[in-house]
Each structure stands twice: as structure tokens, then as C-alpha cells.
Amino acid sequence: MRLRSRLLGLLLAGLAVAGAHAENLLLRGTVGKYPVVMQLDTDGNSLSGDYFYEKHKQGIPLHGSLEQQTYTLKSGVFDMDGAKTDQFALSKIDGGFRGSFKTDQGPVLPVELHVVDPGSVADPRPDLQLKTRSAYEKLQLTGLKFVDGKKETVDGKYQIQWFKESLSGISMFHVIGGYSESAMAGINRIIDRDFYGSVSGYFGCASSDGGSGTESMRVASHYLSERFVSYSISSSWDCAGAAHPDFATSGTIIDARSGQELGPEDLYWLGSGAKPAADSDALRSYREQVFAPAVVKLFQRLYPQQMTKQGDDGCDFTDPGVWDGGPWYLTAKGLYVGAYFARVERSCDDPDWSIIPYSVLKKHDPALFGN
């Protein structure tokens, strides 16, 4: 018993020492005359993090080491072998760091950074309630500027206003007419949540030359009706340090009467009893075991030719596993259900025909789709 207690004590002491060398710091200051924000993680002598110039917002990854009280950081996205990379050499001072910044070209610039309490950083859009947003991201999304674009009337009844974030160039729309004021406020909150998420993703993905690795990010479709507002966002990116480029489509469906977001289960529920909570194991189980197999059977009836695999290299849409992960969104023809394949078959993703028609939706739920 005494030996066990001694071993436990040594283990806890070792963990305490290891923990003492780990830090997660949020820093703000200047490189020369340029305001910057940095997040820095230390683990023993190993350093990693990101920083951005407040004028440009684009995140730049950092990696480095701590040797003899000098924090050496390199922005490896510019040159992975380190020959031409930007470099920081920093020393700890009371409340922050001081040191220098240099590139393979240009002068050496002084650096001064002070520690920022993450809890003191205000959320630029607290109404969006994005709980996973870090203090670093909050600062990155503070002070964004927007440029109004064209106004558009959809289906002769509903008005939208396009706008663009000036640094990323990402465009989105707000609903400005055709619904009640309270509904439009809820609709636009959800739209802004997705928009701020897209902008954060843009600034968080650096290319190999230090710019943004986001190759495209756009509203691929939008649909407005008396009962629904829905849209899809298509993105592609090639972030420095990632194994390969990638792409994705996301979809959003909103109840135009209440301004509340809807999931596919709100439009096409095939289960029994109460619907599972969002992001729950029960929901994942329902989509895998009930929804996806039912979609395969429905699409085999509606789209027999497309659901027939063509040769060894054809897309196997009869596998329920490709239909349980979305994206889902509404179009003029019905509920679009996207497919998601493993990397070697990603060209099969999101076929243009995989739509549950309104005739099927109306028959399944006449109260919701009766109009």
C-alpha cells in the first residue's frame, strides 16, 4: 500500500512537471508598425501556433522550438525547408514577449506582444451563439467590412440583398422582404452564422505561399418559398500542411414562418416516436439504420438508371453508407439529399439528380407540404 502511494505520488508529480511546460497563449501586439494577433501553444520545447496581421486577417501557421529561453518560430507555409521562411525570435518579458521578425528579404522588424486574457475578448456577433469559436477567431472576425451588392426578387414575392466581405470576397445574402420582420430576423441570424463560419474557414486556411488556401466558397443554390428558405454553400480548399486538397457542400433549411432551422427529420421523418436530439448517438443511429436504407429504396424506384452501378469504377449509390451524412437542402424540385464517398471515390459525391420530389414529401407530410 505504501509503495502504491509512493508510485502514485511520483506519477502525479511527473504530470505536474509536464503540465508546467505546456502553455496556451493568446498574444496581441506589433511586428514593426503592423498590429498582429498570435496564438501560441508550447509543449516542452516544441512550439506551434498561428498569427495574423489585423489589417489582412489571413491566418499564417507557425512552428518552432524553445531553446535557451529563446522562442524561435517559423512560418513554414512559405518554405517547408526553412530556407526562405519568415522567422520570429522572441524572449519572454513580464506580460508577454519581445524580439525580432525577419524575412529572407527586407529589414529586421522589432516585435512586441502582450498576453491577452481570452475571457476579455468580445464576440463580434454574440447573437449567433457560436460556442466553439476561440478568442483568436473572435479577434480575427472583429471589424469585418461588408459591401452591398445587388438586390434580387425570388419567385416574384421574396426579396434578398447580396453583400460581400471585403477581404475574403465571400458573398452571401440577407432576406429583406416577403416574410414577417420577426421571421426575417431569425432567418438572417442563421444565414449570418453560416456566413461567419465560412469567413472564419477562409482566414483559417493558409496556402503554401501565405495567402488563403480557400480556392472557392460560394452560394451554390438558394430557394425561397412561403414556408421555407434554403441554400447550399460549395467550397474547395488546399490548406498548407494538409495531406491533400478537398471540397465540400453544406446545406441549410429554415422555417420561413418561425425563423428556426430545420433538419431533414423535420421534413422527412421515417422513424417512430420522438425525433432524436441534434448531434446525438440516437440521431446518427437513425440516419444509418433507417433513413439511409429508405433513401436507397426510394431512389432505386425514382432513379433506376442512376442507381445502377456502371462497371468496377462506377459509383455505388446502392450503399446506404453514402447517404447518411448529408448535405440536405431544398430546391425548386424537392429535398436534395447529397451523397458522401471515401476519398478515392470523391468524384461520386453529390450527384445532381438525388432529389426527393415534393410529390413524395407532400404525400408523406401533407400538413407541411400541402401548400
Foldseek 3Di string as FASTA:
>chain_A
DVVVVVVVVVVVVVVVVQVVQWDWFWKWWDFANFTKIWIWTGGRFWIWTWMDTLVQLAIFIWTFTADPQWTKIWSCLAPVVPPFTKIWTWHDDVQFIWGWIDGPDDDITIITIGTDDFVVQDQQCVVLVPVPDGSSLSSSPPPWDKAWDDWDDDPNAWIKTKMAGPNQREIDIATDGRADPQLSVLQVSVRVNVVSVVVSQQSHAAHSNGHTQKPDWYWPDWDDDPFKTKTKIKTWGDGPPDPGTDIDMAMWIAGSHNSHTDDVCVQFPDDDDDADDPPDPVLLCCLQPPVLQVLLVVCCVVPVPLCDADPPLGDNSNPSVQQSPDDWIADPFAIATWGQDPPVNRVRTGDPPSGDGLVNSCVRPVVSSVD
